[in-house]
Amino acid sequence: MITKKYIVWDWNGTIIDDVGIALDAVNDMLREKKRPEITLEQYRQAMDTPILRFYERFFDMEETDFDWIAERFQEYYEAHKRELSLHEGVEDLLRRFEQEGCHQIILSSSATRIIEQHVKRFGLTHYFDAVLGANDLLAAGKIERAVDYFTQQKIPRDETVMIGDCVHDYEVSHTLGIDCVLMSGGHQDLASLKACGCPVLSGYQPMIRSPFG
């Protein structure tokens, strides 16, 4: 029996396997600005919230407008969206939670309209009660949106778990007072995830077999 009845999912790097496209988008912009490209390891080690801190490590922000970065990143991402795929096993876990009567929510720094397009494309719409994305491309306000939703819906904290792939997902869970499970292989390096002190998994099979029961 599953003891958690509310599952809060991050989207990028957690449900959708998009770190490769994200890295390519960053390197595309770096080439355009004639700056050195970065590796996947550098990308994951530098990942930070707010996302501006990530870009400050690789771009001269006195010469580069953050709005330009946000727009160019999204242009590249959209151009390559057909290359996106779900993480292995994630739909099996979504289905398992649905069968157990769990309420599932997406909480993301990505724009709501973009997430909803991809959720529909992958046939996942029926799994989710809500998509709590950003209103723009600037990836802001994830914690505030979560707090507002939990307050409005009166969600019991002890029956809720956050599943994500970044330290910020743990920070969200800590603010909400809920449990957290982090997945490696997304947008942040393993050492940073382990430093959070919550469970870190390399794939979804353990949760499919025994999810929080």
C-alpha atoms as a PDB file:
ATOM      1  CA  MET A   1       0.000   0.000   0.000  1.00  0.00           C
ATOM      2  CA  ILE A   2       1.304   3.459  -0.914  1.00  0.00           C
ATOM      3  CA  THR A   3       1.432   5.778   2.092  1.00  0.00           C
ATOM      4  CA  LYS A   4       1.880   8.936   0.008  1.00  0.00           C
ATOM      5  CA  LYS A   5      -1.286  10.144  -1.666  1.00  0.00           C
ATOM      6  CA  TYR A   6       0.037  13.359  -3.235  1.00  0.00           C
ATOM      7  CA  ILE A   7       2.953  13.175  -5.654  1.00  0.00           C
ATOM      8  CA  VAL A   8       4.592  16.435  -6.713  1.00  0.00           C
ATOM      9  CA  TRP A   9       6.670  15.928  -9.842  1.00  0.00           C
ATOM     10  CA  ASP A  10       9.320  18.180 -11.270  1.00  0.00           C
ATOM     11  CA  TRP A  11       9.174  18.143 -15.083  1.00  0.00           C
ATOM     12  CA  ASN A  12      12.527  18.857 -16.786  1.00  0.00           C
ATOM     13  CA  GLY A  13      15.058  16.122 -16.132  1.00  0.00           C
ATOM     14  CA  THR A  14      12.612  14.213 -13.916  1.00  0.00           C
ATOM     15  CA  ILE A  15       9.747  13.143 -16.152  1.00  0.00           C
ATOM     16  CA  ILE A  16      11.198  14.371 -19.444  1.00  0.00           C
ATOM     17  CA  ASP A  17      14.740  13.379 -20.406  1.00  0.00           C
ATOM     18  CA  ASP A  18      15.910  16.696 -21.801  1.00  0.00           C
ATOM     19  CA  VAL A  19      19.341  17.400 -20.324  1.00  0.00           C
ATOM     20  CA  GLY A  20      21.051  16.650 -23.644  1.00  0.00           C
ATOM     21  CA  ILE A  21      18.943  19.181 -25.512  1.00  0.00           C
ATOM     22  CA  ALA A  22      19.393  21.733 -22.733  1.00  0.00           C
ATOM     23  CA  LEU A  23      23.177  21.336 -22.909  1.00  0.00           C
ATOM     24  CA  ASP A  24      23.109  21.684 -26.702  1.00  0.00           C
ATOM     25  CA  ALA A  25      21.017  24.848 -26.385  1.00  0.00           C
ATOM     26  CA  VAL A  26      23.500  26.397 -23.933  1.00  0.00           C
ATOM     27  CA  ASN A  27      26.438  25.508 -26.164  1.00  0.00           C
ATOM     28  CA  ASP A  28      24.636  26.920 -29.190  1.00  0.00           C
ATOM     29  CA  MET A  29      24.356  30.252 -27.382  1.00  0.00           C
ATOM     30  CA  LEU A  30      27.958  30.099 -26.177  1.00  0.00           C
ATOM     31  CA  ARG A  31      29.147  29.601 -29.763  1.00  0.00           C
ATOM     32  CA  GLU A  32      27.039  32.546 -30.857  1.00  0.00           C
ATOM     33  CA  LYS A  33      28.757  34.686 -28.202  1.00  0.00           C
ATOM     34  CA  LYS A  34      32.185  33.213 -29.140  1.00  0.00           C
ATOM     35  CA  ARG A  35      32.670  31.719 -25.685  1.00  0.00           C
ATOM     36  CA  PRO A  36      33.983  28.226 -24.795  1.00  0.00           C
ATOM     37  CA  GLU A  37      31.508  25.375 -24.905  1.00  0.00           C
ATOM     38  CA  ILE A  38      30.901  23.285 -21.793  1.00  0.00           C
ATOM     39  CA  THR A  39      30.640  19.566 -21.088  1.00  0.00           C
ATOM     40  CA  LEU A  40      27.710  17.726 -19.536  1.00  0.00           C
ATOM     41  CA  GLU A  41      29.717  17.408 -16.308  1.00  0.00           C
ATOM     42  CA  GLN A  42      30.312  21.179 -16.210  1.00  0.00           C
ATOM     43  CA  TYR A  43      26.645  21.805 -16.943  1.00  0.00           C
ATOM     44  CA  ARG A  44      25.450  19.595 -14.100  1.00  0.00           C
ATOM     45  CA  GLN A  45      27.983  20.915 -11.599  1.00  0.00           C
ATOM     46  CA  ALA A  46      27.072  24.522 -12.397  1.00  0.00           C
ATOM     47  CA  MET A  47      23.280  24.096 -12.325  1.00  0.00           C
ATOM     48  CA  ASP A  48      21.772  26.535  -9.833  1.00  0.00           C
ATOM     49  CA  THR A  49      18.638  28.414  -8.827  1.00  0.00           C
ATOM     50  CA  PRO A  50      17.799  31.103  -9.709  1.00  0.00           C
ATOM     51  CA  ILE A  51      18.923  30.048 -13.175  1.00  0.00           C
ATOM     52  CA  LEU A  52      20.660  33.404 -13.701  1.00  0.00           C
ATOM     53  CA  ARG A  53      23.460  32.178 -11.412  1.00  0.00           C
ATOM     54  CA  PHE A  54      24.073  29.274 -13.789  1.00  0.00           C
ATOM     55  CA  TYR A  55      24.441  31.574 -16.795  1.00  0.00           C
ATOM     56  CA  GLU A  56      26.697  33.982 -14.897  1.00  0.00           C
ATOM     57  CA  ARG A  57      29.302  31.217 -14.744  1.00  0.00           C
ATOM     58  CA  PHE A  58      29.623  30.965 -18.522  1.00  0.00           C
ATOM     59  CA  PHE A  59      28.415  34.239 -20.050  1.00  0.00           C
ATOM     60  CA  ASP A  60      29.490  37.840 -19.634  1.00  0.00           C
ATOM     61  CA  MET A  61      26.197  39.125 -18.267  1.00  0.00           C
ATOM     62  CA  GLU A  62      27.302  42.737 -18.713  1.00  0.00           C
ATOM     63  CA  GLU A  63      27.239  42.086 -22.452  1.00  0.00           C
ATOM     64  CA  THR A  64      24.463  39.479 -22.588  1.00  0.00           C
ATOM     65  CA  ASP A  65      20.848  40.216 -21.749  1.00  0.00           C
ATOM     66  CA  PHE A  66      19.132  37.495 -19.734  1.00  0.00           C
ATOM     67  CA  ASP A  67      15.922  37.940 -21.720  1.00  0.00           C
ATOM     68  CA  TRP A  68      17.936  37.089 -24.844  1.00  0.00           C
ATOM     69  CA  ILE A  69      19.243  33.916 -23.162  1.00  0.00           C
ATOM     70  CA  ALA A  70      15.756  32.830 -22.087  1.00  0.00           C
ATOM     71  CA  GLU A  71      14.293  33.424 -25.552  1.00  0.00           C
ATOM     72  CA  ARG A  72      17.183  31.826 -27.465  1.00  0.00           C
ATOM     73  CA  PHE A  73      17.164  28.792 -25.167  1.00  0.00           C
ATOM     74  CA  GLN A  74      13.463  28.276 -25.776  1.00  0.00           C
ATOM     75  CA  GLU A  75      13.850  28.720 -29.528  1.00  0.00           C
ATOM     76  CA  TYR A  76      16.515  25.989 -29.620  1.00  0.00           C
ATOM     77  CA  TYR A  77      14.557  23.729 -27.272  1.00  0.00           C
ATOM     78  CA  GLU A  78      11.403  24.008 -29.382  1.00  0.00           C
ATOM     79  CA  ALA A  79      13.332  23.369 -32.589  1.00  0.00           C
ATOM     80  CA  HIS A  80      14.581  20.071 -31.154  1.00  0.00           C
ATOM     81  CA  LYS A  81      11.511  19.023 -29.154  1.00  0.00           C
ATOM     82  CA  ARG A  82      10.945  15.956 -31.351  1.00  0.00           C
ATOM     83  CA  GLU A  83      14.158  14.542 -29.888  1.00  0.00           C
ATOM     84  CA  LEU A  84      12.701  14.588 -26.378  1.00  0.00           C
ATOM     85  CA  SER A  85      11.720  11.383 -24.616  1.00  0.00           C
ATOM     86  CA  LEU A  86      10.377  10.303 -21.249  1.00  0.00           C
ATOM     87  CA  HIS A  87      12.767   8.877 -18.692  1.00  0.00           C
ATOM     88  CA  GLU A  88      12.707   5.078 -18.731  1.00  0.00           C
ATOM     89  CA  GLY A  89      10.108   3.713 -16.341  1.00  0.00           C
ATOM     90  CA  VAL A  90       8.481   7.038 -15.508  1.00  0.00           C
ATOM     91  CA  GLU A  91       5.185   6.292 -17.234  1.00  0.00           C
ATOM     92  CA  ASP A  92       4.976   2.949 -15.434  1.00  0.00           C
ATOM     93  CA  LEU A  93       5.337   4.824 -12.146  1.00  0.00           C
ATOM     94  CA  LEU A  94       2.767   7.455 -13.154  1.00  0.00           C
ATOM     95  CA  ARG A  95       0.363   4.627 -13.967  1.00  0.00           C
ATOM     96  CA  ARG A  96       1.100   2.871 -10.673  1.00  0.00           C
ATOM     97  CA  PHE A  97       0.348   6.023  -8.690  1.00  0.00           C
ATOM     98  CA  GLU A  98      -2.849   6.567 -10.683  1.00  0.00           C
ATOM     99  CA  GLN A  99      -3.984   3.018  -9.967  1.00  0.00           C
ATOM    100  CA  GLU A 100      -3.381   3.603  -6.255  1.00  0.00           C
ATOM    101  CA  GLY A 101      -5.580   6.695  -6.311  1.00  0.00           C
ATOM    102  CA  CYS A 102      -2.766   9.210  -5.842  1.00  0.00           C
ATOM    103  CA  HIS A 103      -3.104  12.858  -6.804  1.00  0.00           C
ATOM    104  CA  GLN A 104      -0.246  13.874  -9.108  1.00  0.00           C
ATOM    105  CA  ILE A 105       0.921  17.424  -9.747  1.00  0.00           C
ATOM    106  CA  ILE A 106       3.648  18.900 -11.944  1.00  0.00           C
ATOM    107  CA  LEU A 107       5.606  21.725 -10.321  1.00  0.00           C
ATOM    108  CA  SER A 108       8.127  23.274 -12.665  1.00  0.00           C
ATOM    109  CA  SER A 109      10.174  26.356 -13.445  1.00  0.00           C
ATOM    110  CA  SER A 110       9.266  25.980 -17.120  1.00  0.00           C
ATOM    111  CA  ALA A 111       6.364  27.875 -18.634  1.00  0.00           C
ATOM    112  CA  THR A 112       2.974  26.222 -18.044  1.00  0.00           C
ATOM    113  CA  ARG A 113       1.872  26.406 -21.687  1.00  0.00           C
ATOM    114  CA  ILE A 114       5.048  24.657 -22.865  1.00  0.00           C
ATOM    115  CA  ILE A 115       4.765  21.866 -20.284  1.00  0.00           C
ATOM    116  CA  GLU A 116       1.107  21.316 -21.179  1.00  0.00           C
ATOM    117  CA  GLN A 117       2.017  20.972 -24.866  1.00  0.00           C
ATOM    118  CA  HIS A 118       4.555  18.252 -24.100  1.00  0.00           C
ATOM    119  CA  VAL A 119       2.316  16.518 -21.559  1.00  0.00           C
ATOM    120  CA  LYS A 120      -0.385  16.293 -24.228  1.00  0.00           C
ATOM    121  CA  ARG A 121       2.091  15.106 -26.856  1.00  0.00           C
ATOM    122  CA  PHE A 122       3.230  12.212 -24.651  1.00  0.00           C
ATOM    123  CA  GLY A 123      -0.330  11.284 -23.678  1.00  0.00           C
ATOM    124  CA  LEU A 124       0.152  12.048 -19.993  1.00  0.00           C
ATOM    125  CA  THR A 125      -2.585  14.631 -19.389  1.00  0.00           C
ATOM    126  CA  HIS A 126      -4.920  12.285 -17.514  1.00  0.00           C
ATOM    127  CA  TYR A 127      -2.310  11.527 -14.850  1.00  0.00           C
ATOM    128  CA  PHE A 128      -2.159  15.062 -13.449  1.00  0.00           C
ATOM    129  CA  ASP A 129      -4.499  17.173 -11.343  1.00  0.00           C
ATOM    130  CA  ALA A 130      -2.561  20.359 -12.070  1.00  0.00           C
ATOM    131  CA  VAL A 131       0.433  21.794 -13.905  1.00  0.00           C
ATOM    132  CA  LEU A 132       2.056  24.512 -11.794  1.00  0.00           C
ATOM    133  CA  GLY A 133       4.467  26.098 -14.220  1.00  0.00           C
ATOM    134  CA  ALA A 134       5.825  29.609 -14.625  1.00  0.00           C
ATOM    135  CA  ASN A 135       3.960  32.377 -16.414  1.00  0.00           C
ATOM    136  CA  ASP A 136       7.000  33.311 -18.517  1.00  0.00           C
ATOM    137  CA  LEU A 137      10.390  31.980 -19.627  1.00  0.00           C
ATOM    138  CA  LEU A 138      12.386  33.323 -16.665  1.00  0.00           C
ATOM    139  CA  ALA A 139      11.982  30.231 -14.435  1.00  0.00           C
ATOM    140  CA  ALA A 140      10.961  32.119 -11.308  1.00  0.00           C
ATOM    141  CA  GLY A 141       8.703  31.516  -8.311  1.00  0.00           C
ATOM    142  CA  LYS A 142       8.617  27.720  -7.997  1.00  0.00           C
ATOM    143  CA  ILE A 143       8.495  27.749  -4.194  1.00  0.00           C
ATOM    144  CA  GLU A 144       5.869  30.504  -4.071  1.00  0.00           C
ATOM    145  CA  ARG A 145       3.597  28.667  -6.515  1.00  0.00           C
ATOM    146  CA  ALA A 146       3.908  25.474  -4.495  1.00  0.00           C
ATOM    147  CA  VAL A 147       3.115  27.183  -1.197  1.00  0.00           C
ATOM    148  CA  ASP A 148       0.070  28.922  -2.695  1.00  0.00           C
ATOM    149  CA  TYR A 149      -1.274  25.701  -4.197  1.00  0.00           C
ATOM    150  CA  PHE A 150      -0.764  23.680  -1.020  1.00  0.00           C
ATOM    151  CA  THR A 151      -2.508  26.347   1.022  1.00  0.00           C
ATOM    152  CA  GLN A 152      -5.464  26.658  -1.371  1.00  0.00           C
ATOM    153  CA  GLN A 153      -5.927  22.892  -1.750  1.00  0.00           C
ATOM    154  CA  LYS A 154      -5.224  22.094   1.935  1.00  0.00           C
ATOM    155  CA  ILE A 155      -2.852  19.297   0.943  1.00  0.00           C
ATOM    156  CA  PRO A 156      -1.649  17.214   3.916  1.00  0.00           C
ATOM    157  CA  ARG A 157       2.127  17.505   4.117  1.00  0.00           C
ATOM    158  CA  ASP A 158       2.662  14.085   5.707  1.00  0.00           C
ATOM    159  CA  GLU A 159       0.940  12.399   2.748  1.00  0.00           C
ATOM    160  CA  THR A 160       3.005  14.172   0.092  1.00  0.00           C
ATOM    161  CA  VAL A 161       6.349  13.560  -1.603  1.00  0.00           C
ATOM    162  CA  MET A 162       8.362  15.605  -4.109  1.00  0.00           C
ATOM    163  CA  ILE A 163      10.192  13.823  -6.943  1.00  0.00           C
ATOM    164  CA  GLY A 164      12.853  15.895  -8.675  1.00  0.00           C
ATOM    165  CA  ASP A 165      16.346  15.967 -10.131  1.00  0.00           C
ATOM    166  CA  CYS A 166      17.871  19.135  -8.636  1.00  0.00           C
ATOM    167  CA  VAL A 167      18.828  20.600  -5.277  1.00  0.00           C
ATOM    168  CA  HIS A 168      16.116  23.205  -5.745  1.00  0.00           C
ATOM    169  CA  ASP A 169      13.512  20.435  -5.708  1.00  0.00           C
ATOM    170  CA  TYR A 170      14.799  19.442  -2.285  1.00  0.00           C
ATOM    171  CA  GLU A 171      14.648  23.100  -1.228  1.00  0.00           C
ATOM    172  CA  VAL A 172      11.018  23.223  -2.350  1.00  0.00           C
ATOM    173  CA  SER A 173      10.207  20.082  -0.366  1.00  0.00           C
ATOM    174  CA  HIS A 174      11.976  21.452   2.704  1.00  0.00           C
ATOM    175  CA  THR A 175       9.973  24.680   2.540  1.00  0.00           C
ATOM    176  CA  LEU A 176       6.727  22.744   2.169  1.00  0.00           C
ATOM    177  CA  GLY A 177       7.641  20.285   4.921  1.00  0.00           C
ATOM    178  CA  ILE A 178       7.256  17.220   2.675  1.00  0.00           C
ATOM    179  CA  ASP A 179       9.468  14.255   1.845  1.00  0.00           C
ATOM    180  CA  CYS A 180      11.688  14.273  -1.231  1.00  0.00           C
ATOM    181  CA  VAL A 181      13.231  11.727  -3.585  1.00  0.00           C
ATOM    182  CA  LEU A 182      15.829  12.931  -6.069  1.00  0.00           C
ATOM    183  CA  MET A 183      16.689  11.255  -9.352  1.00  0.00           C
ATOM    184  CA  SER A 184      20.206  11.282 -10.776  1.00  0.00           C
ATOM    185  CA  GLY A 185      20.731  11.540 -14.517  1.00  0.00           C
ATOM    186  CA  GLY A 186      18.899  14.847 -14.790  1.00  0.00           C
ATOM    187  CA  HIS A 187      20.165  18.417 -14.680  1.00  0.00           C
ATOM    188  CA  GLN A 188      22.377  18.322 -11.564  1.00  0.00           C
ATOM    189  CA  ASP A 189      25.430  16.337 -10.512  1.00  0.00           C
ATOM    190  CA  LEU A 190      25.184  13.363  -8.179  1.00  0.00           C
ATOM    191  CA  ALA A 191      27.399  14.831  -5.443  1.00  0.00           C
ATOM    192  CA  SER A 192      25.134  17.868  -5.072  1.00  0.00           C
ATOM    193  CA  LEU A 193      22.049  15.664  -4.886  1.00  0.00           C
ATOM    194  CA  LYS A 194      23.552  13.376  -2.253  1.00  0.00           C
ATOM    195  CA  ALA A 195      24.522  16.384  -0.123  1.00  0.00           C
ATOM    196  CA  CYS A 196      20.801  17.078   0.398  1.00  0.00           C
ATOM    197  CA  GLY A 197      20.513  14.016   2.616  1.00  0.00           C
ATOM    198  CA  CYS A 198      17.325  12.620   1.047  1.00  0.00           C
ATOM    199  CA  PRO A 199      17.067   9.408  -1.017  1.00  0.00           C
ATOM    200  CA  VAL A 200      18.755   9.618  -4.426  1.00  0.00           C
ATOM    201  CA  LEU A 201      17.853   7.005  -7.050  1.00  0.00           C
ATOM    202  CA  SER A 202      19.405   6.257 -10.421  1.00  0.00           C
ATOM    203  CA  GLY A 203      16.146   5.051 -11.977  1.00  0.00           C
ATOM    204  CA  TYR A 204      12.447   4.495 -11.361  1.00  0.00           C
ATOM    205  CA  GLN A 205      12.411   0.706 -10.995  1.00  0.00           C
ATOM    206  CA  PRO A 206      12.828   0.721  -7.163  1.00  0.00           C
ATOM    207  CA  MET A 207       9.794   2.998  -6.778  1.00  0.00           C
ATOM    208  CA  ILE A 208       7.744   0.967  -9.240  1.00  0.00           C
ATOM    209  CA  ARG A 209       8.425  -2.130  -7.118  1.00  0.00           C
ATOM    210  CA  SER A 210       7.959  -0.439  -3.734  1.00  0.00           C
ATOM    211  CA  PRO A 211       6.799   3.183  -3.867  1.00  0.00           C
ATOM    212  CA  PHE A 212       6.893   4.713  -0.389  1.00  0.00           C
ATOM    213  CA  GLY A 213       5.001   1.743   1.008  1.00  0.00           C
END
